[in-house]
PDB file of N, CA and C in Angstrom:
ATOM      1  N   MET A   1      24.027  42.068 114.313  1.00  0.00           N
ATOM      2  CA  MET A   1      24.453  43.255 115.374  1.00  0.00           C
ATOM      3  C   MET A   1      25.735  42.450 114.940  1.00  0.00           C
ATOM      4  N   ALA A   2      26.719  43.684 114.805  1.00  0.00           N
ATOM      5  CA  ALA A   2      28.403  43.633 114.903  1.00  0.00           C
ATOM      6  C   ALA A   2      28.995  44.674 116.141  1.00  0.00           C
ATOM      7  N   PHE A   3      28.842  43.823 117.283  1.00  0.00           N
ATOM      8  CA  PHE A   3      29.357  44.486 118.376  1.00  0.00           C
ATOM      9  C   PHE A   3      30.201  43.693 119.007  1.00  0.00           C
ATOM     10  N   SER A   4      31.534  44.611 119.684  1.00  0.00           N
ATOM     11  CA  SER A   4      32.320  43.888 120.085  1.00  0.00           C
ATOM     12  C   SER A   4      32.451  44.041 121.562  1.00  0.00           C
ATOM     13  N   CYS A   5      32.302  42.996 122.480  1.00  0.00           N
ATOM     14  CA  CYS A   5      32.203  43.273 123.527  1.00  0.00           C
ATOM     15  C   CYS A   5      33.392  43.230 124.434  1.00  0.00           C
ATOM     16  N   PRO A   6      33.779  43.641 125.092  1.00  0.00           N
ATOM     17  CA  PRO A   6      34.974  43.582 125.920  1.00  0.00           C
ATOM     18  C   PRO A   6      35.007  42.132 126.576  1.00  0.00           C
ATOM     19  N   PRO A   7      35.507  41.311 126.518  1.00  0.00           N
ATOM     20  CA  PRO A   7      35.554  40.308 127.734  1.00  0.00           C
ATOM     21  C   PRO A   7      35.340  40.691 129.087  1.00  0.00           C
ATOM     22  N   ILE A   8      34.436  39.532 129.624  1.00  0.00           N
ATOM     23  CA  ILE A   8      34.630  39.562 130.796  1.00  0.00           C
ATOM     24  C   ILE A   8      34.564  38.556 131.568  1.00  0.00           C
ATOM     25  N   ASP A   9      35.963  38.529 132.274  1.00  0.00           N
ATOM     26  CA  ASP A   9      36.722  37.681 133.046  1.00  0.00           C
ATOM     27  C   ASP A   9      36.805  37.380 134.700  1.00  0.00           C
ATOM     28  N   SER A  10      36.145  38.585 135.004  1.00  0.00           N
ATOM     29  CA  SER A  10      35.346  38.700 136.496  1.00  0.00           C
ATOM     30  C   SER A  10      34.714  40.190 136.487  1.00  0.00           C
ATOM     31  N   ILE A  11      34.225  40.173 137.528  1.00  0.00           N
ATOM     32  CA  ILE A  11      33.222  40.723 137.874  1.00  0.00           C
ATOM     33  C   ILE A  11      33.521  42.308 137.948  1.00  0.00           C
ATOM     34  N   GLU A  12      35.222  42.852 137.775  1.00  0.00           N
ATOM     35  CA  GLU A  12      35.554  43.703 137.507  1.00  0.00           C
ATOM     36  C   GLU A  12      35.149  44.366 136.078  1.00  0.00           C
ATOM     37  N   ASP A  13      34.959  43.299 135.406  1.00  0.00           N
ATOM     38  CA  ASP A  13      34.720  43.744 134.159  1.00  0.00           C
ATOM     39  C   ASP A  13      33.323  44.132 133.401  1.00  0.00           C
ATOM     40  N   ALA A  14      32.413  43.949 134.386  1.00  0.00           N
ATOM     41  CA  ALA A  14      31.415  44.342 133.879  1.00  0.00           C
ATOM     42  C   ALA A  14      31.523  45.480 133.589  1.00  0.00           C
ATOM     43  N   PRO A  15      31.281  46.746 134.595  1.00  0.00           N
ATOM     44  CA  PRO A  15      31.382  48.009 134.197  1.00  0.00           C
ATOM     45  C   PRO A  15      32.000  48.246 132.642  1.00  0.00           C
ATOM     46  N   LYS A  16      33.172  47.952 132.808  1.00  0.00           N
ATOM     47  CA  LYS A  16      33.872  47.921 130.907  1.00  0.00           C
ATOM     48  C   LYS A  16      32.891  47.616 130.252  1.00  0.00           C
ATOM     49  N   ALA A  17      32.112  46.472 130.195  1.00  0.00           N
ATOM     50  CA  ALA A  17      31.309  45.927 129.343  1.00  0.00           C
ATOM     51  C   ALA A  17      30.387  46.893 129.044  1.00  0.00           C
ATOM     52  N   MET A  18      29.584  47.218 129.973  1.00  0.00           N
ATOM     53  CA  MET A  18      28.566  47.930 130.343  1.00  0.00           C
ATOM     54  C   MET A  18      28.828  49.676 129.666  1.00  0.00           C
ATOM     55  N   ALA A  19      29.714  49.907 130.163  1.00  0.00           N
ATOM     56  CA  ALA A  19      30.024  51.023 129.215  1.00  0.00           C
ATOM     57  C   ALA A  19      30.363  51.270 127.751  1.00  0.00           C
ATOM     58  N   ALA A  20      30.840  49.854 127.330  1.00  0.00           N
ATOM     59  CA  ALA A  20      30.818  49.664 125.508  1.00  0.00           C
ATOM     60  C   ALA A  20      29.771  49.661 125.325  1.00  0.00           C
ATOM     61  N   ILE A  21      28.741  48.989 125.947  1.00  0.00           N
ATOM     62  CA  ILE A  21      27.296  49.050 125.371  1.00  0.00           C
ATOM     63  C   ILE A  21      26.446  50.428 125.241  1.00  0.00           C
ATOM     64  N   ALA A  22      26.741  50.959 126.077  1.00  0.00           N
ATOM     65  CA  ALA A  22      26.442  52.221 125.825  1.00  0.00           C
ATOM     66  C   ALA A  22      27.028  53.420 124.739  1.00  0.00           C
ATOM     67  N   VAL A  23      28.642  52.792 124.840  1.00  0.00           N
ATOM     68  CA  VAL A  23      29.185  53.926 123.926  1.00  0.00           C
ATOM     69  C   VAL A  23      28.638  53.144 122.179  1.00  0.00           C
ATOM     70  N   ALA A  24      28.144  52.005 122.337  1.00  0.00           N
ATOM     71  CA  ALA A  24      27.840  51.702 120.780  1.00  0.00           C
ATOM     72  C   ALA A  24      26.389  52.023 120.258  1.00  0.00           C
ATOM     73  N   VAL A  25      25.415  51.853 121.483  1.00  0.00           N
ATOM     74  CA  VAL A  25      23.868  52.946 121.305  1.00  0.00           C
ATOM     75  C   VAL A  25      24.412  54.540 120.894  1.00  0.00           C
ATOM     76  N   ALA A  26      25.537  54.964 121.949  1.00  0.00           N
ATOM     77  CA  ALA A  26      25.812  56.269 121.530  1.00  0.00           C
ATOM     78  C   ALA A  26      26.454  56.686 119.866  1.00  0.00           C
ATOM     79  N   GLU A  27      27.195  55.550 119.345  1.00  0.00           N
ATOM     80  CA  GLU A  27      27.749  55.620 118.265  1.00  0.00           C
ATOM     81  C   GLU A  27      26.687  54.909 117.005  1.00  0.00           C
ATOM     82  N   GLY A  28      25.604  54.496 117.710  1.00  0.00           N
ATOM     83  CA  GLY A  28      24.864  53.899 116.686  1.00  0.00           C
ATOM     84  C   GLY A  28      25.083  52.052 115.761  1.00  0.00           C
ATOM     85  N   GLU A  29      26.062  51.662 116.926  1.00  0.00           N
ATOM     86  CA  GLU A  29      26.509  50.483 116.499  1.00  0.00           C
ATOM     87  C   GLU A  29      25.278  49.247 116.847  1.00  0.00           C
ATOM     88  N   LEU A  30      24.416  50.028 117.997  1.00  0.00           N
ATOM     89  CA  LEU A  30      23.493  48.699 118.731  1.00  0.00           C
ATOM     90  C   LEU A  30      22.456  49.611 119.015  1.00  0.00           C
ATOM     91  N   THR A  31      21.011  49.435 118.884  1.00  0.00           N
ATOM     92  CA  THR A  31      19.781  49.678 119.082  1.00  0.00           C
ATOM     93  C   THR A  31      19.638  49.558 120.343  1.00  0.00           C
ATOM     94  N   PRO A  32      18.948  50.760 120.900  1.00  0.00           N
ATOM     95  CA  PRO A  32      18.726  50.325 122.576  1.00  0.00           C
ATOM     96  C   PRO A  32      18.490  49.899 122.768  1.00  0.00           C
ATOM     97  N   MET A  33      17.206  48.665 121.618  1.00  0.00           N
ATOM     98  CA  MET A  33      16.899  47.657 122.363  1.00  0.00           C
ATOM     99  C   MET A  33      18.006  46.099 122.551  1.00  0.00           C
ATOM    100  N   GLU A  34      18.973  46.383 121.456  1.00  0.00           N
ATOM    101  CA  GLU A  34      19.484  45.367 121.371  1.00  0.00           C
ATOM    102  C   GLU A  34      21.035  45.136 122.713  1.00  0.00           C
ATOM    103  N   ALA A  35      20.840  46.765 123.400  1.00  0.00           N
ATOM    104  CA  ALA A  35      21.838  47.269 124.313  1.00  0.00           C
ATOM    105  C   ALA A  35      21.321  46.584 125.508  1.00  0.00           C
ATOM    106  N   ALA A  36      19.641  47.106 125.452  1.00  0.00           N
ATOM    107  CA  ALA A  36      19.099  46.165 126.730  1.00  0.00           C
ATOM    108  C   ALA A  36      19.299  44.676 127.114  1.00  0.00           C
ATOM    109  N   GLU A  37      19.237  43.801 126.022  1.00  0.00           N
ATOM    110  CA  GLU A  37      19.524  42.895 125.825  1.00  0.00           C
ATOM    111  C   GLU A  37      20.828  42.227 126.039  1.00  0.00           C
ATOM    112  N   LEU A  38      21.728  42.929 125.780  1.00  0.00           N
ATOM    113  CA  LEU A  38      23.166  42.719 126.127  1.00  0.00           C
ATOM    114  C   LEU A  38      23.424  42.782 127.254  1.00  0.00           C
ATOM    115  N   SER A  39      22.597  43.886 128.139  1.00  0.00           N
ATOM    116  CA  SER A  39      22.694  44.018 129.235  1.00  0.00           C
ATOM    117  C   SER A  39      22.687  43.374 130.503  1.00  0.00           C
ATOM    118  N   LYS A  40      21.241  42.707 129.928  1.00  0.00           N
ATOM    119  CA  LYS A  40      20.489  41.838 130.955  1.00  0.00           C
ATOM    120  C   LYS A  40      21.723  40.991 130.688  1.00  0.00           C
ATOM    121  N   VAL A  41      22.723  40.097 129.910  1.00  0.00           N
ATOM    122  CA  VAL A  41      23.813  38.791 129.894  1.00  0.00           C
ATOM    123  C   VAL A  41      24.601  39.393 131.116  1.00  0.00           C
ATOM    124  N   VAL A  42      25.010  40.835 130.759  1.00  0.00           N
ATOM    125  CA  VAL A  42      26.323  41.425 131.719  1.00  0.00           C
ATOM    126  C   VAL A  42      25.642  41.305 133.399  1.00  0.00           C
ATOM    127  N   GLU A  43      24.487  41.852 133.371  1.00  0.00           N
ATOM    128  CA  GLU A  43      23.626  41.946 134.752  1.00  0.00           C
ATOM    129  C   GLU A  43      23.678  40.376 135.670  1.00  0.00           C
ATOM    130  N   GLY A  44      22.858  39.719 134.406  1.00  0.00           N
ATOM    131  CA  GLY A  44      22.896  38.091 135.126  1.00  0.00           C
ATOM    132  C   GLY A  44      24.135  37.319 135.321  1.00  0.00           C
ATOM    133  N   TYR A  45      25.025  37.557 134.724  1.00  0.00           N
ATOM    134  CA  TYR A  45      26.400  37.410 135.181  1.00  0.00           C
ATOM    135  C   TYR A  45      26.955  38.035 136.177  1.00  0.00           C
ATOM    136  N   THR A  46      26.842  38.740 136.321  1.00  0.00           N
ATOM    137  CA  THR A  46      26.870  39.655 138.154  1.00  0.00           C
ATOM    138  C   THR A  46      26.479  39.076 138.820  1.00  0.00           C
ATOM    139  N   ARG A  47      24.820  38.898 138.795  1.00  0.00           N
ATOM    140  CA  ARG A  47      24.652  37.949 139.633  1.00  0.00           C
ATOM    141  C   ARG A  47      24.664  37.114 139.810  1.00  0.00           C
ATOM    142  N   ALA A  48      25.422  35.697 139.230  1.00  0.00           N
ATOM    143  CA  ALA A  48      25.855  35.049 139.313  1.00  0.00           C
ATOM    144  C   ALA A  48      27.099  34.663 139.865  1.00  0.00           C
ATOM    145  N   VAL A  49      27.763  35.537 140.031  1.00  0.00           N
ATOM    146  CA  VAL A  49      29.359  36.159 140.181  1.00  0.00           C
ATOM    147  C   VAL A  49      28.584  36.411 142.300  1.00  0.00           C
ATOM    148  N   GLU A  50      27.874  37.662 142.514  1.00  0.00           N
ATOM    149  CA  GLU A  50      27.733  37.990 143.494  1.00  0.00           C
ATOM    150  C   GLU A  50      26.975  36.320 144.464  1.00  0.00           C
ATOM    151  N   THR A  51      26.012  35.964 143.666  1.00  0.00           N
ATOM    152  CA  THR A  51      25.368  34.808 144.664  1.00  0.00           C
ATOM    153  C   THR A  51      26.726  33.643 144.859  1.00  0.00           C
ATOM    154  N   ALA A  52      27.295  33.046 143.925  1.00  0.00           N
ATOM    155  CA  ALA A  52      28.317  32.138 144.412  1.00  0.00           C
ATOM    156  C   ALA A  52      29.204  32.929 146.012  1.00  0.00           C
ATOM    157  N   ASP A  53      29.238  34.281 145.180  1.00  0.00           N
ATOM    158  CA  ASP A  53      30.064  34.552 146.787  1.00  0.00           C
ATOM    159  C   ASP A  53      29.751  34.616 147.657  1.00  0.00           C
ATOM    160  N   LEU A  54      28.404  34.786 147.895  1.00  0.00           N
ATOM    161  CA  LEU A  54      27.692  34.703 148.679  1.00  0.00           C
ATOM    162  C   LEU A  54      27.410  33.493 149.589  1.00  0.00           C
ATOM    163  N   ALA A  55      27.104  32.159 148.537  1.00  0.00           N
ATOM    164  CA  ALA A  55      26.886  31.309 149.306  1.00  0.00           C
ATOM    165  C   ALA A  55      28.580  30.829 149.721  1.00  0.00           C
ATOM    166  N   ALA A  56      29.805  31.180 149.673  1.00  0.00           N
ATOM    167  CA  ALA A  56      30.825  30.693 149.474  1.00  0.00           C
ATOM    168  C   ALA A  56      31.278  31.543 150.850  1.00  0.00           C
ATOM    169  N   ARG A  57      30.880  32.671 151.480  1.00  0.00           N
ATOM    170  CA  ARG A  57      30.849  33.519 152.489  1.00  0.00           C
ATOM    171  C   ARG A  57      30.091  32.850 153.662  1.00  0.00           C
ATOM    172  N   LEU A  58      28.784  32.108 153.152  1.00  0.00           N
ATOM    173  CA  LEU A  58      27.920  31.519 154.026  1.00  0.00           C
ATOM    174  C   LEU A  58      28.582  30.463 154.912  1.00  0.00           C
ATOM    175  N   SER A  59      28.957  29.636 153.842  1.00  0.00           N
ATOM    176  CA  SER A  59      29.782  28.404 154.275  1.00  0.00           C
ATOM    177  C   SER A  59      31.098  28.721 154.939  1.00  0.00           C
ATOM    178  N   ARG A  60      31.766  29.369 154.631  1.00  0.00           N
ATOM    179  CA  ARG A  60      32.863  29.646 155.160  1.00  0.00           C
ATOM    180  C   ARG A  60      32.074  30.095 157.103  1.00  0.00           C
ATOM    181  N   LEU A  61      30.920  31.148 157.242  1.00  0.00           N
ATOM    182  CA  LEU A  61      30.885  31.223 158.482  1.00  0.00           C
ATOM    183  C   LEU A  61      30.052  30.219 158.955  1.00  0.00           C
ATOM    184  N   GLU A  62      29.415  28.858 158.579  1.00  0.00           N
ATOM    185  CA  GLU A  62      28.988  27.912 158.764  1.00  0.00           C
ATOM    186  C   GLU A  62      30.113  27.067 159.709  1.00  0.00           C
ATOM    187  N   GLN A  63      30.993  27.101 158.530  1.00  0.00           N
ATOM    188  CA  GLN A  63      32.207  26.435 159.436  1.00  0.00           C
ATOM    189  C   GLN A  63      32.581  26.670 160.269  1.00  0.00           C
ATOM    190  N   ALA A  64      33.090  27.697 160.194  1.00  0.00           N
ATOM    191  CA  ALA A  64      33.455  28.456 161.650  1.00  0.00           C
ATOM    192  C   ALA A  64      32.843  28.205 162.491  1.00  0.00           C
ATOM    193  N   GLN A  65      31.873  28.314 162.564  1.00  0.00           N
ATOM    194  CA  GLN A  65      30.826  27.995 164.210  1.00  0.00           C
ATOM    195  C   GLN A  65      30.902  27.209 164.562  1.00  0.00           C
ATOM    196  N   THR A  66      30.640  25.833 163.420  1.00  0.00           N
ATOM    197  CA  THR A  66      30.548  24.467 164.055  1.00  0.00           C
ATOM    198  C   THR A  66      32.142  24.027 164.902  1.00  0.00           C
ATOM    199  N   LYS A  67      33.593  25.331 164.901  1.00  0.00           N
ATOM    200  CA  LYS A  67      34.762  24.151 165.041  1.00  0.00           C
ATOM    201  C   LYS A  67      34.948  25.076 166.932  1.00  0.00           C
TER     202      LYS A  67
END
């Protein structure tokens, strides 16, 4: 697989990565199965960031209630 995905440095980069994967399939650089596997990586990253963000928000709310 010779696919160059744009770097994912923040959650805002995830849509760009998914778009690049879709273009690569359309241009024949990736098979649909390869694209599905790469999409799982992007989705996993997105979930991890969302989970960390939710945990941080919950922690701030809990701290605010104890003051």
